[in-house]
Amino acid sequence: TLEVVRTPPTGRNVGPRVEHIEVTADGQLSGVIATALQLPTWFALELLRFGAVHHSPIMPNPAAAARPFMPPEHLERVEQLIAAGRAKLGRNPKLQHPKRVLEDMPVGAGGYVRVHVHPKRFPAAYSVDWKQQILAEMPEYVVVNKPAGVQVGAVSRALLHLGQGTSGTEAHRACLLNCALNRSCGVFMICTVSD
């Protein structure tokens, strides 16, 4: 099951849908998220499993359109972090491109984390017995029958836990849906697998 679909476990509003975090000290990614957003560690781990967290070792360059609206001290801090990261790790632009993280990992000071605290949820997807919808299962992919009426997300790759595999050998498998699918049609989905 996706525990992350529950309401955030705090008695307060956890803020906007997307949080941008500067990694201030070396540590585990879940700890950085939990500390920065004042959330329980288990919830940070669920956000990771759900695919709601992106990380880059070096702070990304601010978008040109955003620069005029950034407070000067914030822009200066970002530029300092970029310079320090490049001095430490090199000028490879890929190090500034946030990548989706699905598991807890060590992160270094000066890095960047983007967290979708309220990831998109598609309630109809949770009413389907997905194990019964599996048509073919291979080590790298799963073919699933998506019933009509079930929407699958467009922009962010949806993460779907299929429970125990059809072979009965795996505790659970996570399926990454790499495409947008219309709610009204029933189709076969080919999903890449992440164990």
N, C-alpha and C. Protein backbone atom coordinates (compact mmCIF):
# COMPACT_ATOMS: atom_id res chain seq x y z
N THR A 1 0.84 -1.19 0.00
CA THR A 1 0.00 0.00 0.00
C THR A 1 0.87 1.24 0.00
N LEU A 2 0.31 2.33 -0.43
CA LEU A 2 1.02 3.59 -0.41
C LEU A 2 0.62 4.36 0.85
N GLU A 3 1.41 4.25 1.89
CA GLU A 3 1.12 4.96 3.12
C GLU A 3 1.13 6.46 2.91
N VAL A 4 1.86 6.92 1.90
CA VAL A 4 2.01 8.35 1.68
C VAL A 4 0.71 9.02 1.25
N VAL A 5 -0.30 8.25 0.89
CA VAL A 5 -1.55 8.86 0.49
C VAL A 5 -2.32 9.40 1.69
N ARG A 6 -1.89 9.03 2.89
CA ARG A 6 -2.56 9.57 4.07
C ARG A 6 -2.27 11.06 4.19
N THR A 7 -3.12 11.73 4.92
CA THR A 7 -2.91 13.15 5.20
C THR A 7 -1.60 13.30 5.94
N PRO A 8 -0.82 14.34 5.66
CA PRO A 8 0.43 14.53 6.38
C PRO A 8 0.20 14.45 7.89
N PRO A 9 1.13 13.84 8.62
CA PRO A 9 0.89 13.47 10.01
C PRO A 9 1.09 14.61 11.00
N THR A 10 0.87 15.82 10.60
CA THR A 10 1.04 16.93 11.51
C THR A 10 -0.31 17.59 11.73
N GLY A 11 -0.44 18.29 12.85
CA GLY A 11 -1.68 18.99 13.13
C GLY A 11 -1.69 20.37 12.50
N ARG A 12 -0.75 20.64 11.61
CA ARG A 12 -0.64 21.95 10.99
C ARG A 12 -0.48 21.79 9.49
N ASN A 13 -0.65 22.88 8.80
CA ASN A 13 -0.44 22.89 7.36
C ASN A 13 1.07 22.84 7.11
N VAL A 14 1.53 21.91 6.30
CA VAL A 14 2.97 21.76 6.06
C VAL A 14 3.48 22.67 4.95
N GLY A 15 2.65 23.59 4.49
CA GLY A 15 3.14 24.57 3.54
C GLY A 15 2.73 24.28 2.12
N PRO A 16 3.43 24.92 1.19
CA PRO A 16 3.08 24.76 -0.22
C PRO A 16 3.32 23.34 -0.70
N ARG A 17 2.82 23.06 -1.88
CA ARG A 17 3.00 21.72 -2.45
C ARG A 17 4.46 21.38 -2.68
N VAL A 18 5.29 22.38 -3.00
CA VAL A 18 6.69 22.11 -3.30
C VAL A 18 7.58 22.92 -2.36
N GLU A 19 8.53 22.23 -1.72
CA GLU A 19 9.50 22.88 -0.83
C GLU A 19 10.88 22.74 -1.44
N HIS A 20 11.68 23.79 -1.36
CA HIS A 20 13.06 23.80 -1.85
C HIS A 20 13.97 23.89 -0.63
N ILE A 21 14.89 22.93 -0.52
CA ILE A 21 15.72 22.82 0.69
C ILE A 21 17.19 22.89 0.32
N GLU A 22 17.93 23.69 1.07
CA GLU A 22 19.39 23.68 0.99
C GLU A 22 19.89 22.65 2.00
N VAL A 23 20.74 21.75 1.56
CA VAL A 23 21.33 20.77 2.48
C VAL A 23 22.42 21.50 3.26
N THR A 24 22.21 21.70 4.56
CA THR A 24 23.15 22.49 5.36
C THR A 24 24.24 21.66 6.01
N ALA A 25 24.05 20.34 6.08
CA ALA A 25 25.06 19.47 6.67
C ALA A 25 24.97 18.09 6.04
N ASP A 26 26.09 17.38 5.99
CA ASP A 26 26.08 16.01 5.48
C ASP A 26 25.12 15.17 6.31
N GLY A 27 24.43 14.23 5.67
CA GLY A 27 23.52 13.35 6.40
C GLY A 27 22.69 12.52 5.46
N GLN A 28 21.74 11.79 6.02
CA GLN A 28 20.80 11.00 5.22
C GLN A 28 19.71 11.91 4.69
N LEU A 29 19.29 11.68 3.47
CA LEU A 29 18.29 12.51 2.82
C LEU A 29 17.00 12.57 3.63
N SER A 30 16.55 11.45 4.16
CA SER A 30 15.32 11.45 4.94
C SER A 30 15.44 12.35 6.16
N GLY A 31 16.60 12.36 6.79
CA GLY A 31 16.83 13.22 7.95
C GLY A 31 16.84 14.69 7.58
N VAL A 32 17.44 15.01 6.43
CA VAL A 32 17.46 16.39 5.95
C VAL A 32 16.03 16.88 5.72
N ILE A 33 15.22 16.06 5.06
CA ILE A 33 13.83 16.43 4.78
C ILE A 33 13.04 16.57 6.08
N ALA A 34 13.17 15.58 6.95
CA ALA A 34 12.42 15.59 8.21
C ALA A 34 12.76 16.82 9.05
N THR A 35 14.04 17.15 9.12
CA THR A 35 14.47 18.29 9.92
C THR A 35 14.01 19.61 9.29
N ALA A 36 14.25 19.77 8.00
CA ALA A 36 13.92 21.03 7.34
C ALA A 36 12.42 21.31 7.33
N LEU A 37 11.61 20.28 7.17
CA LEU A 37 10.16 20.47 7.05
C LEU A 37 9.42 20.13 8.34
N GLN A 38 10.16 19.75 9.37
CA GLN A 38 9.57 19.37 10.65
C GLN A 38 8.49 18.30 10.48
N LEU A 39 8.90 17.22 9.81
CA LEU A 39 8.04 16.07 9.57
C LEU A 39 8.67 14.84 10.20
N PRO A 40 7.87 13.83 10.52
CA PRO A 40 8.46 12.58 11.01
C PRO A 40 9.32 11.92 9.93
N THR A 41 10.36 11.24 10.34
CA THR A 41 11.26 10.58 9.39
C THR A 41 10.51 9.56 8.54
N TRP A 42 9.56 8.82 9.14
CA TRP A 42 8.83 7.82 8.37
C TRP A 42 8.07 8.46 7.22
N PHE A 43 7.58 9.71 7.42
CA PHE A 43 6.85 10.37 6.35
C PHE A 43 7.80 10.81 5.25
N ALA A 44 9.00 11.27 5.63
CA ALA A 44 10.02 11.62 4.63
C ALA A 44 10.38 10.39 3.80
N LEU A 45 10.50 9.23 4.44
CA LEU A 45 10.80 7.99 3.72
C LEU A 45 9.67 7.62 2.77
N GLU A 46 8.43 7.85 3.17
CA GLU A 46 7.29 7.56 2.30
C GLU A 46 7.29 8.50 1.09
N LEU A 47 7.63 9.78 1.31
CA LEU A 47 7.72 10.71 0.19
C LEU A 47 8.79 10.25 -0.81
N LEU A 48 9.90 9.73 -0.29
CA LEU A 48 10.94 9.18 -1.17
C LEU A 48 10.39 8.01 -1.98
N ARG A 49 9.75 7.06 -1.30
CA ARG A 49 9.21 5.89 -1.99
C ARG A 49 8.17 6.26 -3.03
N PHE A 50 7.44 7.34 -2.77
CA PHE A 50 6.38 7.77 -3.67
C PHE A 50 6.93 8.50 -4.89
N GLY A 51 8.21 8.87 -4.86
CA GLY A 51 8.81 9.59 -5.99
C GLY A 51 8.62 11.08 -5.92
N ALA A 52 8.40 11.61 -4.71
CA ALA A 52 8.10 13.03 -4.52
C ALA A 52 9.32 13.86 -4.16
N VAL A 53 10.53 13.26 -4.24
CA VAL A 53 11.75 13.96 -3.83
C VAL A 53 12.75 13.96 -4.98
N HIS A 54 13.38 15.13 -5.20
CA HIS A 54 14.43 15.29 -6.22
C HIS A 54 15.66 15.88 -5.53
N HIS A 55 16.85 15.48 -5.97
CA HIS A 55 18.09 15.96 -5.35
C HIS A 55 19.14 16.24 -6.41
N SER A 56 19.94 17.27 -6.15
CA SER A 56 21.15 17.51 -6.95
C SER A 56 22.27 17.86 -5.99
N PRO A 57 23.49 17.35 -6.25
CA PRO A 57 24.62 17.61 -5.35
C PRO A 57 25.02 19.09 -5.31
N ILE A 58 24.74 19.83 -6.41
CA ILE A 58 25.04 21.25 -6.47
C ILE A 58 23.73 22.00 -6.69
N MET A 59 23.57 23.12 -6.00
CA MET A 59 22.37 23.95 -6.14
C MET A 59 22.17 24.31 -7.62
N PRO A 60 20.95 24.15 -8.16
CA PRO A 60 20.68 24.53 -9.55
C PRO A 60 20.75 26.05 -9.73
N ASN A 61 21.02 26.46 -10.96
CA ASN A 61 20.98 27.90 -11.27
C ASN A 61 19.54 28.37 -11.20
N PRO A 62 19.29 29.53 -10.60
CA PRO A 62 17.92 30.06 -10.60
C PRO A 62 17.49 30.38 -12.03
N ALA A 63 16.23 30.19 -12.30
CA ALA A 63 15.69 30.51 -13.63
C ALA A 63 15.86 32.00 -13.87
N ALA A 64 16.19 32.35 -15.11
CA ALA A 64 16.41 33.76 -15.46
C ALA A 64 15.18 34.61 -15.12
N ALA A 65 13.99 34.07 -15.33
CA ALA A 65 12.77 34.81 -15.05
C ALA A 65 12.56 35.03 -13.55
N ALA A 66 13.14 34.17 -12.71
CA ALA A 66 12.96 34.28 -11.27
C ALA A 66 13.96 35.23 -10.62
N ARG A 67 15.10 35.42 -11.23
CA ARG A 67 16.16 36.24 -10.63
C ARG A 67 15.71 37.63 -10.20
N PRO A 68 14.96 38.37 -11.04
CA PRO A 68 14.56 39.72 -10.61
C PRO A 68 13.68 39.75 -9.37
N PHE A 69 13.02 38.63 -9.06
CA PHE A 69 12.10 38.58 -7.93
C PHE A 69 12.73 38.01 -6.66
N MET A 70 13.97 37.54 -6.78
CA MET A 70 14.64 36.95 -5.62
C MET A 70 15.24 38.05 -4.75
N PRO A 71 15.10 37.95 -3.43
CA PRO A 71 15.76 38.91 -2.55
C PRO A 71 17.27 38.85 -2.81
N PRO A 72 17.97 40.00 -2.83
CA PRO A 72 19.40 40.01 -3.15
C PRO A 72 20.23 39.08 -2.26
N GLU A 73 19.90 39.01 -0.98
CA GLU A 73 20.68 38.14 -0.09
C GLU A 73 20.46 36.66 -0.42
N HIS A 74 19.26 36.30 -0.88
CA HIS A 74 18.97 34.92 -1.26
C HIS A 74 19.72 34.57 -2.55
N LEU A 75 19.68 35.47 -3.52
CA LEU A 75 20.40 35.25 -4.78
C LEU A 75 21.89 35.11 -4.53
N GLU A 76 22.42 35.95 -3.65
CA GLU A 76 23.84 35.87 -3.31
C GLU A 76 24.18 34.54 -2.66
N ARG A 77 23.31 34.06 -1.76
CA ARG A 77 23.53 32.77 -1.10
C ARG A 77 23.52 31.63 -2.11
N VAL A 78 22.58 31.64 -3.05
CA VAL A 78 22.50 30.61 -4.08
C VAL A 78 23.77 30.62 -4.93
N GLU A 79 24.22 31.79 -5.32
CA GLU A 79 25.44 31.89 -6.13
C GLU A 79 26.66 31.39 -5.36
N GLN A 80 26.72 31.66 -4.06
CA GLN A 80 27.82 31.14 -3.23
C GLN A 80 27.79 29.61 -3.19
N LEU A 81 26.59 29.05 -3.02
CA LEU A 81 26.47 27.59 -2.97
C LEU A 81 26.86 26.96 -4.30
N ILE A 82 26.47 27.58 -5.40
CA ILE A 82 26.83 27.06 -6.72
C ILE A 82 28.35 27.08 -6.88
N ALA A 83 28.97 28.21 -6.55
CA ALA A 83 30.43 28.34 -6.68
C ALA A 83 31.14 27.32 -5.80
N ALA A 84 30.69 27.15 -4.55
CA ALA A 84 31.32 26.20 -3.64
C ALA A 84 31.14 24.76 -4.14
N GLY A 85 29.96 24.44 -4.65
CA GLY A 85 29.70 23.11 -5.18
C GLY A 85 30.55 22.79 -6.39
N ARG A 86 30.68 23.77 -7.28
CA ARG A 86 31.51 23.56 -8.47
C ARG A 86 32.98 23.42 -8.09
N ALA A 87 33.44 24.19 -7.09
CA ALA A 87 34.83 24.08 -6.65
C ALA A 87 35.10 22.71 -6.04
N LYS A 88 34.11 22.17 -5.36
CA LYS A 88 34.27 20.87 -4.68
C LYS A 88 34.07 19.68 -5.62
N LEU A 89 33.03 19.77 -6.50
CA LEU A 89 32.62 18.62 -7.30
C LEU A 89 32.88 18.75 -8.80
N GLY A 90 33.25 19.94 -9.26
CA GLY A 90 33.49 20.15 -10.69
C GLY A 90 32.36 20.92 -11.35
N ARG A 91 32.54 21.25 -12.60
CA ARG A 91 31.59 22.10 -13.32
C ARG A 91 30.60 21.30 -14.18
N ASN A 92 30.47 20.02 -13.95
CA ASN A 92 29.55 19.20 -14.73
C ASN A 92 28.11 19.68 -14.50
N PRO A 93 27.42 20.17 -15.55
CA PRO A 93 26.06 20.69 -15.36
C PRO A 93 25.07 19.63 -14.88
N LYS A 94 25.36 18.36 -15.12
CA LYS A 94 24.46 17.30 -14.65
C LYS A 94 24.36 17.27 -13.12
N LEU A 95 25.39 17.76 -12.45
CA LEU A 95 25.38 17.79 -10.98
C LEU A 95 24.42 18.86 -10.44
N GLN A 96 23.95 19.74 -11.32
CA GLN A 96 23.01 20.78 -10.91
C GLN A 96 21.58 20.46 -11.35
N HIS A 97 21.39 19.33 -11.98
CA HIS A 97 20.06 18.94 -12.46
C HIS A 97 19.44 17.98 -11.44
N PRO A 98 18.40 18.41 -10.71
CA PRO A 98 17.78 17.53 -9.71
C PRO A 98 17.21 16.26 -10.34
N LYS A 99 17.50 15.14 -9.71
CA LYS A 99 17.00 13.85 -10.18
C LYS A 99 16.11 13.24 -9.11
N ARG A 100 15.11 12.52 -9.58
CA ARG A 100 14.18 11.84 -8.65
C ARG A 100 14.95 10.82 -7.81
N VAL A 101 14.65 10.80 -6.52
CA VAL A 101 15.29 9.86 -5.60
C VAL A 101 14.18 9.00 -4.99
N LEU A 102 14.32 7.67 -5.07
CA LEU A 102 13.30 6.76 -4.57
C LEU A 102 13.69 6.06 -3.28
N GLU A 103 14.96 6.19 -2.89
CA GLU A 103 15.43 5.53 -1.66
C GLU A 103 16.27 6.51 -0.88
N ASP A 104 16.34 6.29 0.42
CA ASP A 104 17.17 7.12 1.29
C ASP A 104 18.63 6.98 0.87
N MET A 105 19.38 8.06 0.97
CA MET A 105 20.79 8.04 0.58
C MET A 105 21.52 9.15 1.30
N PRO A 106 22.86 9.03 1.39
CA PRO A 106 23.62 10.13 2.00
C PRO A 106 23.68 11.32 1.03
N VAL A 107 23.58 12.52 1.60
CA VAL A 107 23.69 13.75 0.81
C VAL A 107 24.70 14.67 1.47
N GLY A 108 25.33 15.51 0.66
CA GLY A 108 26.37 16.41 1.16
C GLY A 108 25.89 17.84 1.34
N ALA A 109 26.53 18.53 2.26
CA ALA A 109 26.23 19.93 2.50
C ALA A 109 26.40 20.73 1.22
N GLY A 110 25.52 21.70 1.01
CA GLY A 110 25.56 22.52 -0.19
C GLY A 110 24.68 22.00 -1.31
N GLY A 111 24.13 20.80 -1.14
CA GLY A 111 23.25 20.23 -2.16
C GLY A 111 21.87 20.84 -2.10
N TYR A 112 21.02 20.37 -2.99
CA TYR A 112 19.67 20.89 -3.14
C TYR A 112 18.67 19.75 -3.12
N VAL A 113 17.53 19.97 -2.46
CA VAL A 113 16.46 18.99 -2.41
C VAL A 113 15.15 19.69 -2.72
N ARG A 114 14.36 19.10 -3.62
CA ARG A 114 13.01 19.59 -3.91
C ARG A 114 12.04 18.50 -3.46
N VAL A 115 11.09 18.88 -2.62
CA VAL A 115 10.13 17.92 -2.06
C VAL A 115 8.71 18.34 -2.43
N HIS A 116 7.98 17.43 -3.04
CA HIS A 116 6.56 17.64 -3.31
C HIS A 116 5.82 17.09 -2.09
N VAL A 117 5.56 17.97 -1.13
CA VAL A 117 4.98 17.55 0.14
C VAL A 117 3.58 17.01 -0.04
N HIS A 118 2.85 17.54 -0.98
CA HIS A 118 1.50 17.06 -1.28
C HIS A 118 1.50 16.50 -2.70
N PRO A 119 2.09 15.30 -2.90
CA PRO A 119 2.16 14.76 -4.26
C PRO A 119 0.77 14.49 -4.82
N LYS A 120 0.67 14.53 -6.15
CA LYS A 120 -0.61 14.27 -6.80
C LYS A 120 -1.09 12.88 -6.42
N ARG A 121 -2.36 12.80 -6.13
CA ARG A 121 -2.95 11.51 -5.80
C ARG A 121 -4.12 11.27 -6.74
N PHE A 122 -4.27 10.07 -7.15
CA PHE A 122 -5.36 9.71 -8.04
C PHE A 122 -6.19 8.63 -7.33
N PRO A 123 -7.22 9.06 -6.57
CA PRO A 123 -7.96 8.13 -5.70
C PRO A 123 -8.49 6.90 -6.40
N ALA A 124 -8.93 7.02 -7.64
CA ALA A 124 -9.49 5.85 -8.33
C ALA A 124 -8.46 4.74 -8.47
N ALA A 125 -7.18 5.09 -8.52
CA ALA A 125 -6.13 4.09 -8.67
C ALA A 125 -6.04 3.16 -7.45
N TYR A 126 -6.49 3.65 -6.29
CA TYR A 126 -6.38 2.85 -5.08
C TYR A 126 -7.56 1.89 -4.91
N SER A 127 -8.58 2.03 -5.75
CA SER A 127 -9.72 1.12 -5.65
C SER A 127 -9.55 -0.11 -6.55
N VAL A 128 -8.47 -0.15 -7.33
CA VAL A 128 -8.23 -1.25 -8.27
C VAL A 128 -7.33 -2.29 -7.60
N ASP A 129 -7.68 -3.56 -7.76
CA ASP A 129 -6.79 -4.64 -7.32
C ASP A 129 -5.77 -4.84 -8.42
N TRP A 130 -4.63 -4.14 -8.32
CA TRP A 130 -3.63 -4.13 -9.39
C TRP A 130 -2.98 -5.48 -9.61
N LYS A 131 -2.90 -6.29 -8.57
CA LYS A 131 -2.33 -7.64 -8.75
C LYS A 131 -3.15 -8.45 -9.75
N GLN A 132 -4.47 -8.23 -9.73
CA GLN A 132 -5.35 -8.94 -10.66
C GLN A 132 -5.25 -8.39 -12.09
N GLN A 133 -4.68 -7.18 -12.23
CA GLN A 133 -4.60 -6.52 -13.54
C GLN A 133 -3.28 -6.82 -14.27
N ILE A 134 -2.36 -7.55 -13.62
CA ILE A 134 -1.07 -7.85 -14.24
C ILE A 134 -1.27 -8.88 -15.35
N LEU A 135 -0.82 -8.52 -16.56
CA LEU A 135 -0.95 -9.42 -17.71
C LEU A 135 0.36 -10.15 -18.00
N ALA A 136 1.49 -9.47 -17.79
CA ALA A 136 2.81 -10.08 -18.01
C ALA A 136 3.79 -9.42 -17.06
N GLU A 137 4.75 -10.20 -16.58
CA GLU A 137 5.71 -9.69 -15.61
C GLU A 137 7.10 -10.20 -15.95
N MET A 138 8.00 -9.27 -16.19
CA MET A 138 9.39 -9.59 -16.49
C MET A 138 10.27 -8.84 -15.47
N PRO A 139 11.57 -9.17 -15.39
CA PRO A 139 12.42 -8.47 -14.41
C PRO A 139 12.47 -6.96 -14.63
N GLU A 140 12.40 -6.48 -15.88
CA GLU A 140 12.56 -5.06 -16.17
C GLU A 140 11.23 -4.32 -16.31
N TYR A 141 10.14 -5.02 -16.55
CA TYR A 141 8.88 -4.33 -16.78
C TYR A 141 7.70 -5.21 -16.41
N VAL A 142 6.54 -4.56 -16.30
CA VAL A 142 5.28 -5.23 -16.02
C VAL A 142 4.25 -4.67 -16.99
N VAL A 143 3.42 -5.52 -17.57
CA VAL A 143 2.32 -5.07 -18.41
C VAL A 143 1.06 -5.19 -17.57
N VAL A 144 0.35 -4.07 -17.45
CA VAL A 144 -0.81 -3.99 -16.58
C VAL A 144 -2.01 -3.50 -17.38
N ASN A 145 -3.18 -4.07 -17.11
CA ASN A 145 -4.42 -3.62 -17.73
C ASN A 145 -4.97 -2.48 -16.88
N LYS A 146 -4.98 -1.24 -17.43
CA LYS A 146 -5.53 -0.08 -16.73
C LYS A 146 -7.01 0.00 -17.06
N PRO A 147 -7.87 -0.16 -16.07
CA PRO A 147 -9.30 -0.07 -16.35
C PRO A 147 -9.71 1.36 -16.73
N ALA A 148 -10.78 1.47 -17.50
CA ALA A 148 -11.34 2.79 -17.81
C ALA A 148 -11.78 3.44 -16.51
N GLY A 149 -11.68 4.76 -16.44
CA GLY A 149 -12.07 5.48 -15.24
C GLY A 149 -10.94 5.72 -14.27
N VAL A 150 -9.79 5.12 -14.51
CA VAL A 150 -8.64 5.31 -13.63
C VAL A 150 -7.65 6.23 -14.34
N GLN A 151 -7.35 7.34 -13.69
CA GLN A 151 -6.43 8.30 -14.27
C GLN A 151 -5.01 7.99 -13.82
N VAL A 152 -4.05 8.14 -14.73
CA VAL A 152 -2.64 7.95 -14.42
C VAL A 152 -1.95 9.27 -14.73
N GLY A 153 -1.16 9.76 -13.78
CA GLY A 153 -0.58 11.10 -13.85
C GLY A 153 0.24 11.38 -15.08
N ALA A 154 0.28 12.67 -15.44
CA ALA A 154 0.97 13.09 -16.66
C ALA A 154 2.39 13.54 -16.39
N VAL A 155 2.58 14.59 -15.62
CA VAL A 155 3.88 15.22 -15.51
C VAL A 155 4.81 14.41 -14.63
N SER A 156 4.40 14.15 -13.39
CA SER A 156 5.27 13.37 -12.52
C SER A 156 4.95 11.90 -12.74
N ARG A 157 5.99 11.11 -12.83
CA ARG A 157 5.77 9.68 -13.04
C ARG A 157 5.04 9.13 -11.82
N ALA A 158 3.96 8.45 -12.05
CA ALA A 158 3.20 7.86 -10.95
C ALA A 158 3.94 6.63 -10.44
N LEU A 159 3.90 6.42 -9.16
CA LEU A 159 4.53 5.25 -8.57
C LEU A 159 3.42 4.36 -8.05
N LEU A 160 3.38 3.14 -8.54
CA LEU A 160 2.29 2.24 -8.22
C LEU A 160 2.88 0.99 -7.59
N HIS A 161 2.48 0.69 -6.37
CA HIS A 161 2.95 -0.53 -5.72
C HIS A 161 1.99 -1.65 -6.06
N LEU A 162 2.53 -2.72 -6.63
CA LEU A 162 1.70 -3.82 -7.10
C LEU A 162 1.54 -4.93 -6.08
N GLY A 163 2.09 -4.76 -4.90
CA GLY A 163 1.99 -5.82 -3.91
C GLY A 163 2.86 -6.99 -4.31
N GLN A 164 2.52 -8.17 -3.88
CA GLN A 164 3.33 -9.34 -4.18
C GLN A 164 3.27 -9.65 -5.67
N GLY A 165 4.42 -9.97 -6.23
CA GLY A 165 4.49 -10.29 -7.67
C GLY A 165 3.71 -11.54 -7.98
N THR A 166 3.39 -11.73 -9.24
CA THR A 166 2.60 -12.90 -9.63
C THR A 166 3.35 -14.19 -9.37
N SER A 167 4.70 -14.10 -9.33
CA SER A 167 5.49 -15.29 -9.05
C SER A 167 5.44 -15.64 -7.56
N GLY A 168 4.99 -14.70 -6.73
CA GLY A 168 4.90 -14.96 -5.29
C GLY A 168 6.23 -14.84 -4.58
N THR A 169 7.29 -14.44 -5.28
CA THR A 169 8.62 -14.42 -4.65
C THR A 169 9.01 -13.07 -4.10
N GLU A 170 8.39 -11.98 -4.56
CA GLU A 170 8.80 -10.65 -4.13
C GLU A 170 7.82 -10.10 -3.11
N ALA A 171 8.36 -9.36 -2.14
CA ALA A 171 7.52 -8.75 -1.12
C ALA A 171 6.64 -7.67 -1.75
N HIS A 172 7.23 -6.81 -2.57
CA HIS A 172 6.45 -5.86 -3.35
C HIS A 172 7.32 -5.33 -4.47
N ARG A 173 6.67 -4.79 -5.46
CA ARG A 173 7.38 -4.20 -6.59
C ARG A 173 6.77 -2.83 -6.82
N ALA A 174 7.62 -1.89 -7.16
CA ALA A 174 7.13 -0.56 -7.47
C ALA A 174 7.19 -0.38 -8.98
N CYS A 175 6.11 0.07 -9.56
CA CYS A 175 6.02 0.27 -11.00
C CYS A 175 6.06 1.75 -11.28
N LEU A 176 6.97 2.18 -12.12
CA LEU A 176 7.05 3.58 -12.50
C LEU A 176 6.35 3.76 -13.84
N LEU A 177 5.26 4.51 -13.82
CA LEU A 177 4.47 4.72 -15.02
C LEU A 177 5.06 5.90 -15.77
N ASN A 178 5.55 5.67 -16.97
CA ASN A 178 6.29 6.68 -17.69
C ASN A 178 5.47 7.47 -18.70
N CYS A 179 4.16 7.39 -18.63
CA CYS A 179 3.36 8.09 -19.62
C CYS A 179 2.07 8.58 -18.99
N ALA A 180 1.44 9.52 -19.66
CA ALA A 180 0.14 10.01 -19.23
C ALA A 180 -0.94 9.17 -19.91
N LEU A 181 -1.92 8.76 -19.14
CA LEU A 181 -2.99 7.95 -19.72
C LEU A 181 -4.33 8.59 -19.41
N ASN A 182 -5.16 8.66 -20.39
CA ASN A 182 -6.47 9.25 -20.28
C ASN A 182 -7.34 8.45 -19.32
N ARG A 183 -8.16 9.14 -18.55
CA ARG A 183 -9.03 8.48 -17.58
C ARG A 183 -10.12 7.66 -18.26
N SER A 184 -10.61 8.12 -19.40
CA SER A 184 -11.79 7.50 -19.99
C SER A 184 -11.51 6.17 -20.69
N CYS A 185 -10.25 5.91 -21.04
CA CYS A 185 -9.99 4.70 -21.81
C CYS A 185 -9.33 3.62 -20.96
N GLY A 186 -9.57 2.39 -21.32
CA GLY A 186 -8.87 1.27 -20.71
C GLY A 186 -7.76 0.86 -21.66
N VAL A 187 -6.55 0.76 -21.18
CA VAL A 187 -5.41 0.42 -22.05
C VAL A 187 -4.46 -0.50 -21.28
N PHE A 188 -3.52 -1.08 -22.01
CA PHE A 188 -2.44 -1.81 -21.38
C PHE A 188 -1.34 -0.83 -21.09
N MET A 189 -0.74 -0.90 -19.90
CA MET A 189 0.38 -0.03 -19.53
C MET A 189 1.63 -0.89 -19.46
N ILE A 190 2.71 -0.40 -19.99
CA ILE A 190 4.00 -1.05 -19.83
C ILE A 190 4.81 -0.18 -18.87
N CYS A 191 5.16 -0.73 -17.73
CA CYS A 191 5.78 0.04 -16.65
C CYS A 191 7.18 -0.50 -16.40
N THR A 192 8.13 0.42 -16.16
CA THR A 192 9.46 -0.03 -15.74
C THR A 192 9.38 -0.37 -14.26
N VAL A 193 10.22 -1.30 -13.83
CA VAL A 193 10.13 -1.82 -12.47
C VAL A 193 11.29 -1.34 -11.63
N SER A 194 10.99 -1.00 -10.40
CA SER A 194 12.01 -0.65 -9.40
C SER A 194 11.72 -1.48 -8.16
N ASP A 195 12.59 -2.43 -7.82
CA ASP A 195 12.34 -3.27 -6.64
C ASP A 195 12.81 -2.58 -5.39
